[in-house]
Amino acid sequence: MIPIRDTAPILTKPVVIKIIIALNIVVFLYEVSLGQQVGRFLMTFGLVPARYFHLTETGQAGFLARTYPVFTSMFLHGGWLHIIFNMLFLWIFGDNIEDRLGRARFVVFYLAC
């Protein structure tokens, strides 16, 4: 069964959730628009385990180049169903977590998870 809503009341509007969903959609539409170049985009912004275990040469060096994919990969999706269901569940359950934690702590929580 696919949930379409929850019954837990919220006290604040889910501002951060809306921003995260919008960012995910924008990044996904950009990803889809790349066509044949999507592989390079995913290798740059995706979390590629071989990059961290020195199993492959990626041409990237430095702390920042190895750190930002940990965060940018959160906004990458493998297809339409992947993004649709991720955003659906984020919308349904994320608003309650944002409401409970507050906006700033929710952003930290989201990025940490």
PDB file of N, CA and C in Angstrom:
ATOM      1  N   MET A   1       0.829  -1.163   0.000  1.00  0.00           N
ATOM      2  CA  MET A   1       0.000   0.000   0.000  1.00  0.00           C
ATOM      3  C   MET A   1       0.890   1.248   0.000  1.00  0.00           C
ATOM      4  N   ILE A   2       0.551   2.200  -0.809  1.00  0.00           N
ATOM      5  CA  ILE A   2       1.305   3.444  -0.910  1.00  0.00           C
ATOM      6  C   ILE A   2       0.569   4.516  -0.114  1.00  0.00           C
ATOM      7  N   PRO A   3       1.237   5.102   0.886  1.00  0.00           N
ATOM      8  CA  PRO A   3       0.561   6.142   1.667  1.00  0.00           C
ATOM      9  C   PRO A   3       0.407   7.430   0.858  1.00  0.00           C
ATOM     10  N   ILE A   4      -0.680   8.134   1.106  1.00  0.00           N
ATOM     11  CA  ILE A   4      -0.879   9.416   0.435  1.00  0.00           C
ATOM     12  C   ILE A   4      -0.928  10.571   1.430  1.00  0.00           C
ATOM     13  N   ARG A   5      -1.037  10.251   2.713  1.00  0.00           N
ATOM     14  CA  ARG A   5      -1.011  11.281   3.754  1.00  0.00           C
ATOM     15  C   ARG A   5      -0.832  10.595   5.109  1.00  0.00           C
ATOM     16  N   ASP A   6      -0.555  11.427   6.116  1.00  0.00           N
ATOM     17  CA  ASP A   6      -0.520  10.918   7.475  1.00  0.00           C
ATOM     18  C   ASP A   6      -1.538  11.686   8.306  1.00  0.00           C
ATOM     19  N   THR A   7      -1.747  11.235   9.519  1.00  0.00           N
ATOM     20  CA  THR A   7      -2.763  11.871  10.360  1.00  0.00           C
ATOM     21  C   THR A   7      -2.156  12.686  11.484  1.00  0.00           C
ATOM     22  N   ALA A   8      -0.834  12.732  11.559  1.00  0.00           N
ATOM     23  CA  ALA A   8      -0.181  13.496  12.622  1.00  0.00           C
ATOM     24  C   ALA A   8      -0.277  14.991  12.315  1.00  0.00           C
ATOM     25  N   PRO A   9      -0.824  15.756  13.249  1.00  0.00           N
ATOM     26  CA  PRO A   9      -0.956  17.199  13.002  1.00  0.00           C
ATOM     27  C   PRO A   9       0.406  17.903  13.102  1.00  0.00           C
ATOM     28  N   ILE A  10       0.562  18.976  12.338  1.00  0.00           N
ATOM     29  CA  ILE A  10       1.776  19.784  12.402  1.00  0.00           C
ATOM     30  C   ILE A  10       1.393  21.207  12.797  1.00  0.00           C
ATOM     31  N   LEU A  11       2.335  21.887  13.466  1.00  0.00           N
ATOM     32  CA  LEU A  11       2.069  23.236  13.950  1.00  0.00           C
ATOM     33  C   LEU A  11       2.646  24.310  13.035  1.00  0.00           C
ATOM     34  N   THR A  12       3.662  23.953  12.257  1.00  0.00           N
ATOM     35  CA  THR A  12       4.305  24.927  11.364  1.00  0.00           C
ATOM     36  C   THR A  12       4.246  24.439   9.925  1.00  0.00           C
ATOM     37  N   LYS A  13       4.354  25.368   8.999  1.00  0.00           N
ATOM     38  CA  LYS A  13       4.358  24.996   7.582  1.00  0.00           C
ATOM     39  C   LYS A  13       5.708  24.381   7.241  1.00  0.00           C
ATOM     40  N   PRO A  14       5.731  23.344   6.408  1.00  0.00           N
ATOM     41  CA  PRO A  14       6.976  22.649   6.067  1.00  0.00           C
ATOM     42  C   PRO A  14       7.798  23.389   5.004  1.00  0.00           C
ATOM     43  N   VAL A  15       8.438  24.472   5.390  1.00  0.00           N
ATOM     44  CA  VAL A  15       9.207  25.298   4.460  1.00  0.00           C
ATOM     45  C   VAL A  15      10.439  24.554   3.941  1.00  0.00           C
ATOM     46  N   VAL A  16      11.202  23.959   4.838  1.00  0.00           N
ATOM     47  CA  VAL A  16      12.431  23.266   4.440  1.00  0.00           C
ATOM     48  C   VAL A  16      12.117  22.086   3.536  1.00  0.00           C
ATOM     49  N   ILE A  17      11.066  21.348   3.857  1.00  0.00           N
ATOM     50  CA  ILE A  17      10.659  20.212   3.028  1.00  0.00           C
ATOM     51  C   ILE A  17      10.357  20.674   1.607  1.00  0.00           C
ATOM     52  N   LYS A  18       9.640  21.777   1.467  1.00  0.00           N
ATOM     53  CA  LYS A  18       9.311  22.294   0.139  1.00  0.00           C
ATOM     54  C   LYS A  18      10.568  22.695  -0.620  1.00  0.00           C
ATOM     55  N   ILE A  19      11.520  23.303   0.061  1.00  0.00           N
ATOM     56  CA  ILE A  19      12.775  23.702  -0.588  1.00  0.00           C
ATOM     57  C   ILE A  19      13.571  22.469  -1.018  1.00  0.00           C
ATOM     58  N   ILE A  20      13.656  21.473  -0.157  1.00  0.00           N
ATOM     59  CA  ILE A  20      14.396  20.250  -0.493  1.00  0.00           C
ATOM     60  C   ILE A  20      13.739  19.534  -1.668  1.00  0.00           C
ATOM     61  N   ILE A  21      12.426  19.441  -1.667  1.00  0.00           N
ATOM     62  CA  ILE A  21      11.721  18.798  -2.780  1.00  0.00           C
ATOM     63  C   ILE A  21      11.971  19.567  -4.074  1.00  0.00           C
ATOM     64  N   ALA A  22      11.893  20.887  -4.014  1.00  0.00           N
ATOM     65  CA  ALA A  22      12.147  21.704  -5.214  1.00  0.00           C
ATOM     66  C   ALA A  22      13.574  21.507  -5.713  1.00  0.00           C
ATOM     67  N   LEU A  23      14.550  21.495  -4.815  1.00  0.00           N
ATOM     68  CA  LEU A  23      15.943  21.269  -5.218  1.00  0.00           C
ATOM     69  C   LEU A  23      16.116  19.903  -5.876  1.00  0.00           C
ATOM     70  N   ASN A  24      15.507  18.884  -5.279  1.00  0.00           N
ATOM     71  CA  ASN A  24      15.590  17.541  -5.853  1.00  0.00           C
ATOM     72  C   ASN A  24      15.002  17.499  -7.254  1.00  0.00           C
ATOM     73  N   ILE A  25      13.873  18.148  -7.453  1.00  0.00           N
ATOM     74  CA  ILE A  25      13.228  18.139  -8.765  1.00  0.00           C
ATOM     75  C   ILE A  25      14.071  18.889  -9.785  1.00  0.00           C
ATOM     76  N   VAL A  26      14.607  20.045  -9.406  1.00  0.00           N
ATOM     77  CA  VAL A  26      15.455  20.822 -10.319  1.00  0.00           C
ATOM     78  C   VAL A  26      16.693  20.021 -10.715  1.00  0.00           C
ATOM     79  N   VAL A  27      17.353  19.410  -9.744  1.00  0.00           N
ATOM     80  CA  VAL A  27      18.559  18.618 -10.043  1.00  0.00           C
ATOM     81  C   VAL A  27      18.201  17.429 -10.923  1.00  0.00           C
ATOM     82  N   PHE A  28      17.090  16.763 -10.652  1.00  0.00           N
ATOM     83  CA  PHE A  28      16.702  15.614 -11.463  1.00  0.00           C
ATOM     84  C   PHE A  28      16.385  16.028 -12.901  1.00  0.00           C
ATOM     85  N   LEU A  29      15.660  17.127 -13.072  1.00  0.00           N
ATOM     86  CA  LEU A  29      15.355  17.590 -14.427  1.00  0.00           C
ATOM     87  C   LEU A  29      16.633  17.970 -15.174  1.00  0.00           C
ATOM     88  N   TYR A  30      17.585  18.564 -14.479  1.00  0.00           N
ATOM     89  CA  TYR A  30      18.876  18.861 -15.097  1.00  0.00           C
ATOM     90  C   TYR A  30      19.595  17.566 -15.474  1.00  0.00           C
ATOM     91  N   GLU A  31      19.563  16.602 -14.568  1.00  0.00           N
ATOM     92  CA  GLU A  31      20.190  15.298 -14.810  1.00  0.00           C
ATOM     93  C   GLU A  31      19.590  14.636 -16.050  1.00  0.00           C
ATOM     94  N   VAL A  32      18.277  14.662 -16.172  1.00  0.00           N
ATOM     95  CA  VAL A  32      17.591  14.063 -17.320  1.00  0.00           C
ATOM     96  C   VAL A  32      17.941  14.807 -18.612  1.00  0.00           C
ATOM     97  N   SER A  33      18.121  16.121 -18.513  1.00  0.00           N
ATOM     98  CA  SER A  33      18.402  16.921 -19.712  1.00  0.00           C
ATOM     99  C   SER A  33      19.813  16.712 -20.255  1.00  0.00           C
ATOM    100  N   LEU A  34      20.690  16.089 -19.487  1.00  0.00           N
ATOM    101  CA  LEU A  34      22.082  15.931 -19.913  1.00  0.00           C
ATOM    102  C   LEU A  34      22.275  14.901 -21.017  1.00  0.00           C
ATOM    103  N   GLY A  35      21.364  13.979 -21.137  1.00  0.00           N
ATOM    104  CA  GLY A  35      21.482  12.949 -22.175  1.00  0.00           C
ATOM    105  C   GLY A  35      22.722  12.085 -21.966  1.00  0.00           C
ATOM    106  N   GLN A  36      23.605  12.055 -22.961  1.00  0.00           N
ATOM    107  CA  GLN A  36      24.801  11.215 -22.914  1.00  0.00           C
ATOM    108  C   GLN A  36      25.832  11.689 -21.891  1.00  0.00           C
ATOM    109  N   GLN A  37      25.752  12.934 -21.466  1.00  0.00           N
ATOM    110  CA  GLN A  37      26.716  13.488 -20.511  1.00  0.00           C
ATOM    111  C   GLN A  37      26.380  13.150 -19.063  1.00  0.00           C
ATOM    112  N   VAL A  38      25.292  12.441 -18.829  1.00  0.00           N
ATOM    113  CA  VAL A  38      24.854  12.163 -17.466  1.00  0.00           C
ATOM    114  C   VAL A  38      25.882  11.319 -16.706  1.00  0.00           C
ATOM    115  N   GLY A  39      26.597  10.454 -17.381  1.00  0.00           N
ATOM    116  CA  GLY A  39      27.597   9.627 -16.711  1.00  0.00           C
ATOM    117  C   GLY A  39      28.690  10.461 -16.061  1.00  0.00           C
ATOM    118  N   ARG A  40      29.153  11.450 -16.759  1.00  0.00           N
ATOM    119  CA  ARG A  40      30.189  12.336 -16.202  1.00  0.00           C
ATOM    120  C   ARG A  40      29.632  13.120 -15.010  1.00  0.00           C
ATOM    121  N   PHE A  41      28.398  13.587 -15.139  1.00  0.00           N
ATOM    122  CA  PHE A  41      27.735  14.313 -14.054  1.00  0.00           C
ATOM    123  C   PHE A  41      27.624  13.429 -12.812  1.00  0.00           C
ATOM    124  N   LEU A  42      27.207  12.182 -12.989  1.00  0.00           N
ATOM    125  CA  LEU A  42      27.062  11.264 -11.865  1.00  0.00           C
ATOM    126  C   LEU A  42      28.401  10.903 -11.248  1.00  0.00           C
ATOM    127  N   MET A  43      29.428  10.770 -12.062  1.00  0.00           N
ATOM    128  CA  MET A  43      30.768  10.483 -11.523  1.00  0.00           C
ATOM    129  C   MET A  43      31.313  11.667 -10.731  1.00  0.00           C
ATOM    130  N   THR A  44      30.912  12.872 -11.098  1.00  0.00           N
ATOM    131  CA  THR A  44      31.389  14.061 -10.396  1.00  0.00           C
ATOM    132  C   THR A  44      30.616  14.307  -9.107  1.00  0.00           C
ATOM    133  N   PHE A  45      29.284  14.218  -9.158  1.00  0.00           N
ATOM    134  CA  PHE A  45      28.463  14.590  -8.020  1.00  0.00           C
ATOM    135  C   PHE A  45      27.884  13.408  -7.250  1.00  0.00           C
ATOM    136  N   GLY A  46      28.021  12.203  -7.782  1.00  0.00           N
ATOM    137  CA  GLY A  46      27.527  11.017  -7.093  1.00  0.00           C
ATOM    138  C   GLY A  46      28.551  10.476  -6.125  1.00  0.00           C
ATOM    139  N   LEU A  47      28.098   9.693  -5.191  1.00  0.00           N
ATOM    140  CA  LEU A  47      28.976   9.072  -4.205  1.00  0.00           C
ATOM    141  C   LEU A  47      29.493   7.759  -4.785  1.00  0.00           C
ATOM    142  N   VAL A  48      30.722   7.783  -5.273  1.00  0.00           N
ATOM    143  CA  VAL A  48      31.334   6.619  -5.913  1.00  0.00           C
ATOM    144  C   VAL A  48      32.297   5.990  -4.907  1.00  0.00           C
ATOM    145  N   PRO A  49      31.961   4.831  -4.350  1.00  0.00           N
ATOM    146  CA  PRO A  49      32.798   4.234  -3.304  1.00  0.00           C
ATOM    147  C   PRO A  49      34.252   4.028  -3.715  1.00  0.00           C
ATOM    148  N   ALA A  50      34.502   3.688  -4.965  1.00  0.00           N
ATOM    149  CA  ALA A  50      35.877   3.456  -5.410  1.00  0.00           C
ATOM    150  C   ALA A  50      36.751   4.691  -5.232  1.00  0.00           C
ATOM    151  N   ARG A  51      36.158   5.856  -5.274  1.00  0.00           N
ATOM    152  CA  ARG A  51      36.903   7.103  -5.087  1.00  0.00           C
ATOM    153  C   ARG A  51      37.489   7.183  -3.682  1.00  0.00           C
ATOM    154  N   TYR A  52      36.835   6.562  -2.717  1.00  0.00           N
ATOM    155  CA  TYR A  52      37.274   6.657  -1.324  1.00  0.00           C
ATOM    156  C   TYR A  52      38.194   5.521  -0.916  1.00  0.00           C
ATOM    157  N   PHE A  53      38.241   4.487  -1.708  1.00  0.00           N
ATOM    158  CA  PHE A  53      39.100   3.353  -1.403  1.00  0.00           C
ATOM    159  C   PHE A  53      40.259   3.233  -2.391  1.00  0.00           C
ATOM    160  N   HIS A  54      40.458   4.277  -3.194  1.00  0.00           N
ATOM    161  CA  HIS A  54      41.563   4.357  -4.149  1.00  0.00           C
ATOM    162  C   HIS A  54      41.589   3.166  -5.113  1.00  0.00           C
ATOM    163  N   LEU A  55      40.420   2.664  -5.479  1.00  0.00           N
ATOM    164  CA  LEU A  55      40.346   1.549  -6.401  1.00  0.00           C
ATOM    165  C   LEU A  55      40.334   2.014  -7.847  1.00  0.00           C
ATOM    166  N   THR A  56      40.105   3.280  -8.052  1.00  0.00           N
ATOM    167  CA  THR A  56      40.089   3.827  -9.400  1.00  0.00           C
ATOM    168  C   THR A  56      40.627   5.237  -9.359  1.00  0.00           C
ATOM    169  N   GLU A  57      41.181   5.671 -10.425  1.00  0.00           N
ATOM    170  CA  GLU A  57      41.687   7.044 -10.521  1.00  0.00           C
ATOM    171  C   GLU A  57      40.582   7.923 -11.084  1.00  0.00           C
ATOM    172  N   THR A  58      40.168   8.931 -10.338  1.00  0.00           N
ATOM    173  CA  THR A  58      39.065   9.779 -10.777  1.00  0.00           C
ATOM    174  C   THR A  58      39.543  11.119 -11.297  1.00  0.00           C
ATOM    175  N   GLY A  59      40.796  11.451 -11.076  1.00  0.00           N
ATOM    176  CA  GLY A  59      41.300  12.734 -11.517  1.00  0.00           C
ATOM    177  C   GLY A  59      40.982  13.845 -10.538  1.00  0.00           C
ATOM    178  N   GLN A  60      40.300  13.549  -9.457  1.00  0.00           N
ATOM    179  CA  GLN A  60      39.977  14.545  -8.446  1.00  0.00           C
ATOM    180  C   GLN A  60      40.900  14.356  -7.254  1.00  0.00           C
ATOM    181  N   ALA A  61      41.318  15.457  -6.690  1.00  0.00           N
ATOM    182  CA  ALA A  61      42.162  15.381  -5.514  1.00  0.00           C
ATOM    183  C   ALA A  61      41.695  16.421  -4.516  1.00  0.00           C
ATOM    184  N   GLY A  62      42.098  16.250  -3.304  1.00  0.00           N
ATOM    185  CA  GLY A  62      41.785  17.228  -2.290  1.00  0.00           C
ATOM    186  C   GLY A  62      40.579  16.865  -1.452  1.00  0.00           C
ATOM    187  N   PHE A  63      40.539  17.505  -0.303  1.00  0.00           N
ATOM    188  CA  PHE A  63      39.480  17.239   0.668  1.00  0.00           C
ATOM    189  C   PHE A  63      38.103  17.610   0.132  1.00  0.00           C
ATOM    190  N   LEU A  64      37.972  18.776  -0.463  1.00  0.00           N
ATOM    191  CA  LEU A  64      36.666  19.242  -0.946  1.00  0.00           C
ATOM    192  C   LEU A  64      36.107  18.335  -2.042  1.00  0.00           C
ATOM    193  N   ALA A  65      36.962  17.929  -2.961  1.00  0.00           N
ATOM    194  CA  ALA A  65      36.512  17.070  -4.060  1.00  0.00           C
ATOM    195  C   ALA A  65      36.046  15.712  -3.561  1.00  0.00           C
ATOM    196  N   ARG A  66      36.568  15.274  -2.436  1.00  0.00           N
ATOM    197  CA  ARG A  66      36.142  13.993  -1.878  1.00  0.00           C
ATOM    198  C   ARG A  66      34.984  14.148  -0.899  1.00  0.00           C
ATOM    199  N   THR A  67      34.712  15.369  -0.452  1.00  0.00           N
ATOM    200  CA  THR A  67      33.667  15.584   0.548  1.00  0.00           C
ATOM    201  C   THR A  67      32.333  15.985  -0.063  1.00  0.00           C
ATOM    202  N   TYR A  68      32.325  16.884  -1.043  1.00  0.00           N
ATOM    203  CA  TYR A  68      31.033  17.390  -1.528  1.00  0.00           C
ATOM    204  C   TYR A  68      30.137  16.326  -2.135  1.00  0.00           C
ATOM    205  N   PRO A  69      30.662  15.228  -2.738  1.00  0.00           N
ATOM    206  CA  PRO A  69      29.719  14.211  -3.239  1.00  0.00           C
ATOM    207  C   PRO A  69      28.897  13.536  -2.143  1.00  0.00           C
ATOM    208  N   VAL A  70      29.382  13.564  -0.913  1.00  0.00           N
ATOM    209  CA  VAL A  70      28.602  13.006   0.191  1.00  0.00           C
ATOM    210  C   VAL A  70      27.273  13.748   0.300  1.00  0.00           C
ATOM    211  N   PHE A  71      27.282  15.051   0.029  1.00  0.00           N
ATOM    212  CA  PHE A  71      26.074  15.865   0.127  1.00  0.00           C
ATOM    213  C   PHE A  71      25.347  15.997  -1.211  1.00  0.00           C
ATOM    214  N   THR A  72      26.085  16.161  -2.300  1.00  0.00           N
ATOM    215  CA  THR A  72      25.424  16.332  -3.601  1.00  0.00           C
ATOM    216  C   THR A  72      24.723  15.054  -4.053  1.00  0.00           C
ATOM    217  N   SER A  73      25.216  13.905  -3.630  1.00  0.00           N
ATOM    218  CA  SER A  73      24.588  12.645  -4.032  1.00  0.00           C
ATOM    219  C   SER A  73      23.180  12.495  -3.466  1.00  0.00           C
ATOM    220  N   MET A  74      22.864  13.246  -2.408  1.00  0.00           N
ATOM    221  CA  MET A  74      21.523  13.186  -1.822  1.00  0.00           C
ATOM    222  C   MET A  74      20.454  13.705  -2.774  1.00  0.00           C
ATOM    223  N   PHE A  75      20.871  14.458  -3.768  1.00  0.00           N
ATOM    224  CA  PHE A  75      19.921  15.089  -4.680  1.00  0.00           C
ATOM    225  C   PHE A  75      19.873  14.380  -6.038  1.00  0.00           C
ATOM    226  N   LEU A  76      20.552  13.251  -6.162  1.00  0.00           N
ATOM    227  CA  LEU A  76      20.570  12.493  -7.414  1.00  0.00           C
ATOM    228  C   LEU A  76      19.590  11.331  -7.320  1.00  0.00           C
ATOM    229  N   HIS A  77      18.914  11.061  -8.421  1.00  0.00           N
ATOM    230  CA  HIS A  77      17.939   9.970  -8.460  1.00  0.00           C
ATOM    231  C   HIS A  77      18.121   9.173  -9.746  1.00  0.00           C
ATOM    232  N   GLY A  78      17.789   7.893  -9.678  1.00  0.00           N
ATOM    233  CA  GLY A  78      18.031   6.988 -10.778  1.00  0.00           C
ATOM    234  C   GLY A  78      16.925   6.884 -11.806  1.00  0.00           C
ATOM    235  N   GLY A  79      15.842   7.563 -11.618  1.00  0.00           N
ATOM    236  CA  GLY A  79      14.742   7.497 -12.578  1.00  0.00           C
ATOM    237  C   GLY A  79      13.512   8.180 -12.021  1.00  0.00           C
ATOM    238  N   TRP A  80      12.470   8.210 -12.856  1.00  0.00           N
ATOM    239  CA  TRP A  80      11.239   8.900 -12.474  1.00  0.00           C
ATOM    240  C   TRP A  80      10.583   8.291 -11.241  1.00  0.00           C
ATOM    241  N   LEU A  81      10.474   6.971 -11.189  1.00  0.00           N
ATOM    242  CA  LEU A  81       9.847   6.347 -10.019  1.00  0.00           C
ATOM    243  C   LEU A  81      10.658   6.598  -8.760  1.00  0.00           C
ATOM    244  N   HIS A  82      11.960   6.587  -8.885  1.00  0.00           N
ATOM    245  CA  HIS A  82      12.832   6.830  -7.741  1.00  0.00           C
ATOM    246  C   HIS A  82      12.558   8.208  -7.136  1.00  0.00           C
ATOM    247  N   ILE A  83      12.545   9.238  -7.961  1.00  0.00           N
ATOM    248  CA  ILE A  83      12.312  10.583  -7.421  1.00  0.00           C
ATOM    249  C   ILE A  83      10.870  10.765  -6.959  1.00  0.00           C
ATOM    250  N   ILE A  84       9.919  10.211  -7.684  1.00  0.00           N
ATOM    251  CA  ILE A  84       8.511  10.363  -7.305  1.00  0.00           C
ATOM    252  C   ILE A  84       8.257   9.773  -5.923  1.00  0.00           C
ATOM    253  N   PHE A  85       8.716   8.541  -5.703  1.00  0.00           N
ATOM    254  CA  PHE A  85       8.464   7.908  -4.416  1.00  0.00           C
ATOM    255  C   PHE A  85       9.294   8.532  -3.297  1.00  0.00           C
ATOM    256  N   ASN A  86      10.539   8.917  -3.573  1.00  0.00           N
ATOM    257  CA  ASN A  86      11.328   9.596  -2.538  1.00  0.00           C
ATOM    258  C   ASN A  86      10.668  10.900  -2.110  1.00  0.00           C
ATOM    259  N   MET A  87      10.201  11.681  -3.063  1.00  0.00           N
ATOM    260  CA  MET A  87       9.590  12.966  -2.736  1.00  0.00           C
ATOM    261  C   MET A  87       8.230  12.772  -2.074  1.00  0.00           C
ATOM    262  N   LEU A  88       7.492  11.747  -2.472  1.00  0.00           N
ATOM    263  CA  LEU A  88       6.216  11.441  -1.831  1.00  0.00           C
ATOM    264  C   LEU A  88       6.425  11.136  -0.350  1.00  0.00           C
ATOM    265  N   PHE A  89       7.365  10.257  -0.052  1.00  0.00           N
ATOM    266  CA  PHE A  89       7.615   9.892   1.339  1.00  0.00           C
ATOM    267  C   PHE A  89       8.228  11.051   2.127  1.00  0.00           C
ATOM    268  N   LEU A  90       9.060  11.849   1.482  1.00  0.00           N
ATOM    269  CA  LEU A  90       9.599  13.035   2.144  1.00  0.00           C
ATOM    270  C   LEU A  90       8.473  13.999   2.490  1.00  0.00           C
ATOM    271  N   TRP A  91       7.536  14.200   1.568  1.00  0.00           N
ATOM    272  CA  TRP A  91       6.417  15.108   1.803  1.00  0.00           C
ATOM    273  C   TRP A  91       5.521  14.591   2.934  1.00  0.00           C
ATOM    274  N   ILE A  92       5.235  13.291   2.929  1.00  0.00           N
ATOM    275  CA  ILE A  92       4.309  12.729   3.912  1.00  0.00           C
ATOM    276  C   ILE A  92       4.908  12.701   5.320  1.00  0.00           C
ATOM    277  N   PHE A  93       6.144  12.250   5.430  1.00  0.00           N
ATOM    278  CA  PHE A  93       6.726  12.039   6.756  1.00  0.00           C
ATOM    279  C   PHE A  93       7.698  13.135   7.185  1.00  0.00           C
ATOM    280  N   GLY A  94       8.302  13.826   6.236  1.00  0.00           N
ATOM    281  CA  GLY A  94       9.297  14.838   6.564  1.00  0.00           C
ATOM    282  C   GLY A  94       8.728  16.048   7.265  1.00  0.00           C
ATOM    283  N   ASP A  95       7.484  16.411   6.942  1.00  0.00           N
ATOM    284  CA  ASP A  95       6.900  17.599   7.573  1.00  0.00           C
ATOM    285  C   ASP A  95       6.754  17.426   9.078  1.00  0.00           C
ATOM    286  N   ASN A  96       6.463  16.206   9.518  1.00  0.00           N
ATOM    287  CA  ASN A  96       6.352  15.945  10.951  1.00  0.00           C
ATOM    288  C   ASN A  96       7.710  16.056  11.647  1.00  0.00           C
ATOM    289  N   ILE A  97       8.738  15.580  10.974  1.00  0.00           N
ATOM    290  CA  ILE A  97      10.084  15.664  11.555  1.00  0.00           C
ATOM    291  C   ILE A  97      10.555  17.109  11.583  1.00  0.00           C
ATOM    292  N   GLU A  98      10.312  17.855  10.498  1.00  0.00           N
ATOM    293  CA  GLU A  98      10.675  19.275  10.478  1.00  0.00           C
ATOM    294  C   GLU A  98       9.925  20.033  11.574  1.00  0.00           C
ATOM    295  N   ASP A  99       8.670  19.726  11.747  1.00  0.00           N
ATOM    296  CA  ASP A  99       7.864  20.385  12.770  1.00  0.00           C
ATOM    297  C   ASP A  99       8.414  20.094  14.168  1.00  0.00           C
ATOM    298  N   ARG A 100       8.793  18.868  14.397  1.00  0.00           N
ATOM    299  CA  ARG A 100       9.283  18.455  15.718  1.00  0.00           C
ATOM    300  C   ARG A 100      10.674  19.020  16.019  1.00  0.00           C
ATOM    301  N   LEU A 101      11.589  18.972  15.032  1.00  0.00           N
ATOM    302  CA  LEU A 101      12.959  19.407  15.263  1.00  0.00           C
ATOM    303  C   LEU A 101      13.148  20.910  15.112  1.00  0.00           C
ATOM    304  N   GLY A 102      12.326  21.534  14.304  1.00  0.00           N
ATOM    305  CA  GLY A 102      12.564  22.919  13.935  1.00  0.00           C
ATOM    306  C   GLY A 102      13.332  22.940  12.620  1.00  0.00           C
ATOM    307  N   ARG A 103      13.297  24.065  11.932  1.00  0.00           N
ATOM    308  CA  ARG A 103      13.871  24.129  10.583  1.00  0.00           C
ATOM    309  C   ARG A 103      15.379  23.931  10.563  1.00  0.00           C
ATOM    310  N   ALA A 104      16.101  24.625  11.405  1.00  0.00           N
ATOM    311  CA  ALA A 104      17.571  24.545  11.385  1.00  0.00           C
ATOM    312  C   ALA A 104      18.054  23.140  11.757  1.00  0.00           C
ATOM    313  N   ARG A 105      17.516  22.587  12.814  1.00  0.00           N
ATOM    314  CA  ARG A 105      17.946  21.237  13.221  1.00  0.00           C
ATOM    315  C   ARG A 105      17.519  20.192  12.193  1.00  0.00           C
ATOM    316  N   PHE A 106      16.394  20.424  11.517  1.00  0.00           N
ATOM    317  CA  PHE A 106      15.975  19.491  10.484  1.00  0.00           C
ATOM    318  C   PHE A 106      16.961  19.477   9.318  1.00  0.00           C
ATOM    319  N   VAL A 107      17.452  20.648   8.910  1.00  0.00           N
ATOM    320  CA  VAL A 107      18.442  20.709   7.823  1.00  0.00           C
ATOM    321  C   VAL A 107      19.681  19.918   8.221  1.00  0.00           C
ATOM    322  N   VAL A 108      20.160  20.105   9.436  1.00  0.00           N
ATOM    323  CA  VAL A 108      21.326  19.355   9.921  1.00  0.00           C
ATOM    324  C   VAL A 108      21.039  17.860   9.923  1.00  0.00           C
ATOM    325  N   PHE A 109      19.866  17.495  10.411  1.00  0.00           N
ATOM    326  CA  PHE A 109      19.453  16.086  10.456  1.00  0.00           C
ATOM    327  C   PHE A 109      19.388  15.480   9.062  1.00  0.00           C
ATOM    328  N   TYR A 110      18.777  16.206   8.135  1.00  0.00           N
ATOM    329  CA  TYR A 110      18.634  15.726   6.754  1.00  0.00           C
ATOM    330  C   TYR A 110      20.005  15.507   6.118  1.00  0.00           C
ATOM    331  N   LEU A 111      20.887  16.471   6.258  1.00  0.00           N
ATOM    332  CA  LEU A 111      22.229  16.349   5.662  1.00  0.00           C
ATOM    333  C   LEU A 111      23.063  15.275   6.348  1.00  0.00           C
ATOM    334  N   ALA A 112      22.861  15.081   7.630  1.00  0.00           N
ATOM    335  CA  ALA A 112      23.609  14.056   8.360  1.00  0.00           C
ATOM    336  C   ALA A 112      23.138  12.649   8.001  1.00  0.00           C
ATOM    337  N   CYS A 113      21.861  12.536   7.678  1.00  0.00           N
ATOM    338  CA  CYS A 113      21.328  11.210   7.359  1.00  0.00           C
ATOM    339  C   CYS A 113      21.602  10.850   5.913  1.00  0.00           C
TER     340      CYS A 113
END
